[in-house]
Amino acid sequence: MKQVSGLQVGSLKVALSRPTHPPHTKTFDGSMVRHTRYALSPGKVTPMRSHQKRWVVFVVLLLMACNRSNLPTPPPPDPFETPSAGRATPGFQDSQSVWWTPSVGLRWQWQLSDIPVDLSMDVDMYDIDVFENDAGVIAALHAQGRKVVCYVSVGSWEDWRPDADQFPASVIGEDYEGWPGESWLDIRQIELLAPVMRARLDLCRDKGFDGIEPDNIDAYTNDTGFPLTYEDQIRYNLWLADEAHARGLSIGLKNDPDQVADLLPYFDWALTEDCFAEGWCEEMMPFIQMGKPVFAAEYTDTGVTIEQLCQEAEALDFSLILKDRELGAWQQTCP
């Protein structure tokens, strides 16, 4: 068993564990106050009288109150601060969150091509491209009672995006195999990526989206051209979660099953591709166990059929859809 380095998250230290380990335990140690039952006098120990006990308790409480009142009030964390190379800024998810926190079992549609988006699907949530849809599309879906998630790649550079020229050349790495015009990003350089990613998150918020689907947040498992580590990916993903939540946006963990144990407290839901076809769906079960949905997409080009998958998906409580790889409007769902 190998323990990897921890990340400082606000005032808490989060220990990162490899995915083969059982979930780690976080311990919060407070200062201990030892109450003595006896007052000391020269040469012997004499039991304290009841009025003396009351006096001692009064003095201790008075001193504690004075010390508390003199403590400086810590400034609120700056959600827009860029973390340094050895530091991450996000904090634990607040149970009284101001962003959308979906429940298990929601129906969904995922359409990234064949624009305009088909608005007629009887689902609870739409996942659509942030650049390809204007605010009117989101407003129309909201009027139907749908939640809307914005798709944006946060781990790759795409040469067709309107902000492609905003990326410094030093953060653009190897070509993304199978996707022409797309290259991996050096996620270690958060200070260089931050202006572009923050602008994209601002766009999601300003168009009225309820959440973000951050694509390519498992770059460390790929040939990116950069020596990315597990810890690099954790730091970047935590930063993204903090930035999304600071804007009132829900955020999902896209694939990345090996980091579920470390990222579960910070992400509101999960989205998988091919987990049934590739046999790793069970690794996402901690989300379901925490009452957070898993939106599962399987693709027709793997040869699976919806009839083959529905029983297992229902047993896991996953929200399953079958799609073509191009992610047009067509989909199949379980009956």
Protein backbone atom coordinates (compact mmCIF):
# COMPACT_ATOMS: atom_id res chain seq x y z
CA MET A 1 0.00 0.00 0.00
CA LYS A 2 1.47 3.32 -1.07
CA GLN A 3 0.40 6.57 0.53
CA VAL A 4 0.62 9.56 -1.79
CA SER A 5 1.05 13.16 -0.80
CA GLY A 6 -1.84 15.14 0.69
CA LEU A 7 -3.44 18.31 -0.55
CA GLN A 8 -4.14 21.27 1.69
CA VAL A 9 -7.81 22.17 1.18
CA GLY A 10 -8.66 25.29 3.09
CA SER A 11 -7.82 24.42 6.70
CA LEU A 12 -8.12 20.67 6.10
CA LYS A 13 -5.55 18.25 4.83
CA VAL A 14 -6.98 15.72 2.38
CA ALA A 15 -4.98 12.51 2.06
CA LEU A 16 -5.01 11.07 -1.44
CA SER A 17 -5.11 7.30 -1.80
CA ARG A 18 -4.58 5.14 -4.81
CA PRO A 19 -7.81 3.69 -6.22
CA THR A 20 -6.90 0.13 -5.16
CA HIS A 21 -7.06 1.13 -1.50
CA PRO A 22 -10.20 1.21 0.61
CA PRO A 23 -11.58 4.70 1.19
CA HIS A 24 -9.34 6.62 3.56
CA THR A 25 -10.53 8.10 6.87
CA LYS A 26 -10.16 11.82 7.60
CA THR A 27 -9.49 12.67 11.28
CA PHE A 28 -10.15 16.08 12.76
CA ASP A 29 -8.25 16.50 16.07
CA GLY A 30 -9.41 19.24 18.45
CA SER A 31 -7.46 20.51 21.48
CA MET A 32 -8.14 18.54 24.65
CA VAL A 33 -8.98 20.19 27.99
CA ARG A 34 -8.18 18.08 31.04
CA HIS A 35 -10.35 18.88 34.10
CA THR A 36 -8.68 18.17 37.46
CA ARG A 37 -10.74 17.25 40.52
CA TYR A 38 -8.25 18.34 43.16
CA ALA A 39 -6.65 21.62 44.26
CA LEU A 40 -3.01 21.37 45.25
CA SER A 41 -1.67 22.80 48.52
CA PRO A 42 1.87 22.48 49.96
CA GLY A 43 2.51 19.03 51.31
CA LYS A 44 -0.84 17.35 50.59
CA VAL A 45 -3.77 16.98 48.24
CA THR A 46 -7.04 18.31 49.59
CA PRO A 47 -10.44 17.63 47.97
CA MET A 48 -12.05 20.76 46.55
CA ARG A 49 -15.24 22.00 48.21
CA SER A 50 -18.37 22.44 46.13
CA HIS A 51 -18.21 26.26 46.21
CA GLN A 52 -14.56 26.08 45.09
CA LYS A 53 -15.53 23.85 42.16
CA ARG A 54 -18.18 26.31 41.09
CA TRP A 55 -15.69 29.19 41.32
CA VAL A 56 -13.10 27.32 39.22
CA VAL A 57 -15.69 26.46 36.56
CA PHE A 58 -16.80 30.11 36.44
CA VAL A 59 -13.20 31.34 35.97
CA VAL A 60 -12.48 28.77 33.22
CA LEU A 61 -15.65 29.68 31.31
CA LEU A 62 -14.87 33.39 31.65
CA LEU A 63 -11.36 32.92 30.27
CA MET A 64 -12.64 30.84 27.35
CA ALA A 65 -15.21 33.50 26.47
CA CYS A 66 -12.58 36.25 26.56
CA ASN A 67 -10.21 34.26 24.35
CA ARG A 68 -12.96 33.52 21.83
CA SER A 69 -14.01 37.16 21.61
CA ASN A 70 -10.42 38.22 20.94
CA LEU A 71 -9.91 35.78 18.07
CA PRO A 72 -9.66 37.49 14.67
CA THR A 73 -12.39 36.70 12.20
CA PRO A 74 -10.82 34.87 9.25
CA PRO A 75 -11.46 36.45 5.86
CA PRO A 76 -13.79 34.52 3.53
CA PRO A 77 -11.97 32.37 0.96
CA ASP A 78 -11.52 33.91 -2.45
CA PRO A 79 -13.25 31.53 -4.90
CA PHE A 80 -11.37 33.13 -7.78
CA GLU A 81 -7.89 32.66 -6.37
CA THR A 82 -5.59 30.56 -8.54
CA PRO A 83 -3.95 27.83 -6.47
CA SER A 84 -0.19 27.58 -6.49
CA ALA A 85 1.56 24.46 -7.70
CA GLY A 86 1.39 22.86 -4.26
CA ARG A 87 -1.99 24.07 -3.10
CA ALA A 88 -5.65 23.57 -3.92
CA THR A 89 -8.39 25.89 -2.75
CA PRO A 90 -11.76 24.09 -2.75
CA GLY A 91 -13.57 23.25 0.46
CA PHE A 92 -16.07 20.56 1.39
CA GLN A 93 -19.46 20.57 -0.24
CA ASP A 94 -22.02 22.37 1.92
CA SER A 95 -25.19 20.39 2.57
CA GLN A 96 -27.09 23.68 2.13
CA SER A 97 -25.61 24.21 -1.34
CA VAL A 98 -26.87 26.95 -3.60
CA TRP A 99 -26.35 24.92 -6.75
CA TRP A 100 -28.44 22.15 -8.28
CA THR A 101 -27.90 18.77 -6.60
CA PRO A 102 -29.72 16.15 -8.68
CA SER A 103 -31.24 13.01 -7.22
CA VAL A 104 -30.73 9.39 -8.26
CA GLY A 105 -32.88 8.06 -11.09
CA LEU A 106 -33.33 11.19 -13.22
CA ARG A 107 -33.95 10.81 -16.97
CA TRP A 108 -31.59 12.66 -19.28
CA GLN A 109 -30.69 13.57 -22.85
CA TRP A 110 -27.20 14.22 -24.19
CA GLN A 111 -27.02 16.08 -27.51
CA LEU A 112 -23.78 17.67 -28.74
CA SER A 113 -24.38 17.54 -32.50
CA ASP A 114 -27.25 17.83 -35.01
CA ILE A 115 -27.94 21.36 -33.83
CA PRO A 116 -30.51 22.76 -33.13
CA VAL A 117 -31.21 20.74 -30.04
CA ASP A 118 -34.38 18.66 -30.09
CA LEU A 119 -36.43 20.16 -27.25
CA SER A 120 -39.15 17.51 -27.28
CA MET A 121 -37.48 14.81 -25.16
CA ASP A 122 -39.44 13.81 -22.05
CA VAL A 123 -36.49 13.97 -19.65
CA ASP A 124 -35.42 15.74 -16.47
CA MET A 125 -32.03 17.00 -17.65
CA TYR A 126 -30.41 18.04 -20.93
CA ASP A 127 -26.63 18.03 -21.45
CA ILE A 128 -25.72 20.34 -24.37
CA ASP A 129 -22.71 22.26 -25.73
CA VAL A 130 -21.99 25.64 -24.15
CA PHE A 131 -20.79 27.25 -27.41
CA GLU A 132 -23.39 25.81 -29.78
CA ASN A 133 -26.48 26.96 -27.87
CA ASP A 134 -27.61 30.45 -26.95
CA ALA A 135 -29.42 31.49 -23.80
CA GLY A 136 -32.79 31.11 -25.53
CA VAL A 137 -32.36 27.33 -25.74
CA ILE A 138 -31.66 27.07 -22.02
CA ALA A 139 -34.62 29.35 -21.23
CA ALA A 140 -36.93 27.23 -23.40
CA LEU A 141 -35.86 24.05 -21.60
CA HIS A 142 -36.27 25.70 -18.22
CA ALA A 143 -39.79 26.72 -19.24
CA GLN A 144 -40.51 23.00 -19.71
CA GLY A 145 -39.18 22.21 -16.23
CA ARG A 146 -35.87 20.76 -17.45
CA LYS A 147 -32.45 21.27 -15.89
CA VAL A 148 -29.67 22.04 -18.35
CA VAL A 149 -25.98 21.13 -18.10
CA CYS A 150 -23.30 22.74 -20.25
CA TYR A 151 -20.72 20.53 -21.93
CA VAL A 152 -17.21 21.99 -22.04
CA SER A 153 -13.83 20.34 -22.48
CA VAL A 154 -11.52 21.37 -19.67
CA GLY A 155 -8.67 18.96 -20.42
CA SER A 156 -8.18 19.45 -24.15
CA TRP A 157 -7.60 22.21 -26.68
CA GLU A 158 -10.05 22.25 -29.62
CA ASP A 159 -8.98 24.27 -32.65
CA TRP A 160 -12.56 25.07 -33.70
CA ARG A 161 -13.62 26.80 -30.49
CA PRO A 162 -14.00 30.60 -30.52
CA ASP A 163 -11.51 30.98 -27.68
CA ALA A 164 -8.86 28.63 -29.12
CA ASP A 165 -6.38 31.48 -29.59
CA GLN A 166 -6.53 32.31 -25.87
CA PHE A 167 -4.52 29.22 -24.86
CA PRO A 168 -0.76 29.74 -24.43
CA ALA A 169 1.28 27.46 -26.70
CA SER A 170 3.11 26.03 -23.67
CA VAL A 171 -0.03 24.29 -22.37
CA ILE A 172 -0.92 22.51 -25.65
CA GLY A 173 0.41 18.96 -25.85
CA GLU A 174 0.03 15.83 -27.93
CA ASP A 175 -2.82 15.29 -30.38
CA TYR A 176 -5.90 13.63 -28.93
CA GLU A 177 -5.97 10.31 -30.76
CA GLY A 178 -9.12 9.78 -32.78
CA TRP A 179 -10.30 13.41 -32.54
CA PRO A 180 -8.83 15.63 -35.29
CA GLY A 181 -8.09 19.21 -34.27
CA GLU A 182 -7.96 18.35 -30.56
CA SER A 183 -4.88 18.21 -28.30
CA TRP A 184 -4.27 17.56 -24.62
CA LEU A 185 -3.66 20.36 -22.12
CA ASP A 186 -1.00 20.66 -19.43
CA ILE A 187 -3.34 20.71 -16.44
CA ARG A 188 -0.44 21.34 -14.06
CA GLN A 189 -0.32 24.97 -15.25
CA ILE A 190 -3.56 26.07 -13.65
CA GLU A 191 -2.45 29.70 -13.51
CA LEU A 192 -2.22 29.72 -17.33
CA LEU A 193 -5.43 27.77 -17.94
CA ALA A 194 -7.46 29.67 -15.34
CA PRO A 195 -8.37 32.74 -17.47
CA VAL A 196 -9.82 30.61 -20.28
CA MET A 197 -11.58 28.10 -18.02
CA ARG A 198 -13.05 30.82 -15.83
CA ALA A 199 -14.37 32.60 -18.91
CA ARG A 200 -16.00 29.36 -20.06
CA LEU A 201 -17.60 28.81 -16.66
CA ASP A 202 -18.79 32.42 -16.70
CA LEU A 203 -20.41 31.72 -20.07
CA CYS A 204 -22.19 28.68 -18.66
CA ARG A 205 -23.49 30.72 -15.76
CA ASP A 206 -24.48 33.74 -17.87
CA LYS A 207 -26.45 31.61 -20.34
CA GLY A 208 -28.45 30.17 -17.45
CA PHE A 209 -27.07 26.63 -17.25
CA ASP A 210 -27.59 24.67 -14.03
CA GLY A 211 -24.38 22.68 -14.14
CA ILE A 212 -21.26 21.73 -16.04
CA GLU A 213 -20.08 18.52 -17.65
CA PRO A 214 -16.27 18.89 -17.63
CA ASP A 215 -14.84 16.64 -20.32
CA ASN A 216 -11.36 15.08 -20.32
CA ILE A 217 -10.67 15.28 -16.58
CA ASP A 218 -8.69 12.02 -16.58
CA ALA A 219 -5.79 13.29 -18.68
CA TYR A 220 -3.19 11.75 -16.38
CA THR A 221 -4.16 8.30 -17.71
CA ASN A 222 -3.43 9.34 -21.31
CA ASP A 223 -0.41 10.12 -23.50
CA THR A 224 -0.65 13.89 -23.25
CA GLY A 225 2.98 14.87 -23.86
CA PHE A 226 3.26 15.99 -20.23
CA PRO A 227 4.34 13.94 -17.16
CA LEU A 228 0.99 14.30 -15.45
CA THR A 229 0.44 12.49 -12.16
CA TYR A 230 -2.53 11.33 -10.12
CA GLU A 231 -1.96 14.26 -7.78
CA ASP A 232 -1.85 16.76 -10.68
CA GLN A 233 -5.26 15.56 -11.82
CA ILE A 234 -6.75 15.68 -8.32
CA ARG A 235 -5.53 19.24 -7.85
CA TYR A 236 -6.98 20.40 -11.18
CA ASN A 237 -10.30 18.61 -10.68
CA LEU A 238 -10.72 20.07 -7.20
CA TRP A 239 -9.99 23.53 -8.56
CA LEU A 240 -12.65 23.05 -11.24
CA ALA A 241 -15.23 21.91 -8.68
CA ASP A 242 -14.54 24.96 -6.55
CA GLU A 243 -14.79 27.33 -9.52
CA ALA A 244 -18.07 25.77 -10.67
CA HIS A 245 -19.65 25.93 -7.23
CA ALA A 246 -18.51 29.53 -6.76
CA ARG A 247 -20.73 30.36 -9.76
CA GLY A 248 -23.71 28.37 -8.49
CA LEU A 249 -23.08 25.57 -11.00
CA SER A 250 -23.41 21.88 -10.27
CA ILE A 251 -20.51 19.75 -11.51
CA GLY A 252 -20.23 16.10 -12.53
CA LEU A 253 -17.29 13.72 -12.48
CA LYS A 254 -16.85 12.61 -16.09
CA ASN A 255 -15.50 9.04 -16.18
CA ASP A 256 -12.27 9.06 -14.06
CA PRO A 257 -13.29 6.02 -11.97
CA ASP A 258 -9.89 5.62 -10.32
CA GLN A 259 -10.27 8.93 -8.47
CA VAL A 260 -13.80 8.49 -7.15
CA ALA A 261 -12.67 7.96 -3.54
CA ASP A 262 -10.83 11.28 -3.47
CA LEU A 263 -13.30 13.36 -5.49
CA LEU A 264 -16.70 12.09 -4.33
CA PRO A 265 -17.20 14.78 -1.64
CA TYR A 266 -16.64 17.58 -4.17
CA PHE A 267 -18.70 16.43 -7.18
CA ASP A 268 -22.50 16.41 -7.35
CA TRP A 269 -23.07 13.58 -9.83
CA ALA A 270 -21.16 11.40 -12.28
CA LEU A 271 -21.32 10.75 -16.01
CA THR A 272 -19.89 7.60 -17.58
CA GLU A 273 -19.19 6.41 -21.10
CA ASP A 274 -18.98 2.69 -21.90
CA CYS A 275 -18.77 1.59 -18.26
CA PHE A 276 -21.07 -1.37 -18.99
CA ALA A 277 -19.24 -2.33 -22.17
CA GLU A 278 -15.85 -2.05 -20.43
CA GLY A 279 -16.90 -3.47 -17.07
CA TRP A 280 -16.14 -0.69 -14.58
CA CYS A 281 -19.60 0.56 -13.56
CA GLU A 282 -19.22 -0.81 -10.02
CA GLU A 283 -16.42 1.70 -9.40
CA MET A 284 -18.98 4.52 -9.63
CA MET A 285 -21.32 3.02 -7.01
CA PRO A 286 -20.07 5.33 -4.21
CA PHE A 287 -22.01 8.11 -5.96
CA ILE A 288 -25.25 6.13 -5.76
CA GLN A 289 -24.53 5.22 -2.14
CA MET A 290 -24.18 8.94 -1.37
CA GLY A 291 -27.49 9.73 -3.09
CA LYS A 292 -25.79 11.24 -6.15
CA PRO A 293 -26.89 10.08 -9.62
CA VAL A 294 -24.77 8.35 -12.23
CA PHE A 295 -25.73 9.30 -15.80
CA ALA A 296 -24.52 6.40 -17.92
CA ALA A 297 -24.11 6.54 -21.70
CA GLU A 298 -23.37 3.46 -23.79
CA TYR A 299 -22.60 3.58 -27.51
CA THR A 300 -24.03 1.58 -30.38
CA ASP A 301 -20.59 1.04 -31.94
CA THR A 302 -19.66 -1.35 -29.10
CA GLY A 303 -22.39 -3.76 -30.19
CA VAL A 304 -24.45 -3.54 -27.00
CA THR A 305 -28.22 -3.20 -27.05
CA ILE A 306 -30.50 -1.45 -24.61
CA GLU A 307 -32.26 -4.75 -23.86
CA GLN A 308 -28.95 -6.27 -22.72
CA LEU A 309 -28.17 -3.43 -20.34
CA CYS A 310 -31.43 -2.36 -18.71
CA GLN A 311 -31.61 -5.03 -16.03
CA GLU A 312 -28.10 -4.30 -14.78
CA ALA A 313 -28.59 -0.53 -15.00
CA GLU A 314 -31.78 -0.74 -12.98
CA ALA A 315 -30.07 -2.90 -10.36
CA LEU A 316 -27.35 -0.25 -10.00
CA ASP A 317 -29.83 2.67 -10.10
CA PHE A 318 -27.93 4.22 -13.03
CA SER A 319 -29.69 6.56 -15.47
CA LEU A 320 -28.89 4.74 -18.72
CA ILE A 321 -29.12 5.91 -22.32
CA LEU A 322 -27.87 4.32 -25.56
CA LYS A 323 -26.41 6.78 -28.07
CA ASP A 324 -24.55 6.97 -31.35
CA ARG A 325 -20.95 8.11 -30.83
CA GLU A 326 -21.68 11.45 -32.55
CA LEU A 327 -24.17 12.31 -29.79
CA GLY A 328 -26.95 13.58 -31.96
CA ALA A 329 -30.58 13.75 -30.88
CA TRP A 330 -31.30 10.02 -31.24
CA GLN A 331 -31.22 7.86 -28.13
CA GLN A 332 -32.77 4.79 -26.55
CA THR A 333 -33.74 4.40 -22.92
CA CYS A 334 -34.97 1.59 -20.72
CA PRO A 335 -38.76 1.12 -20.72
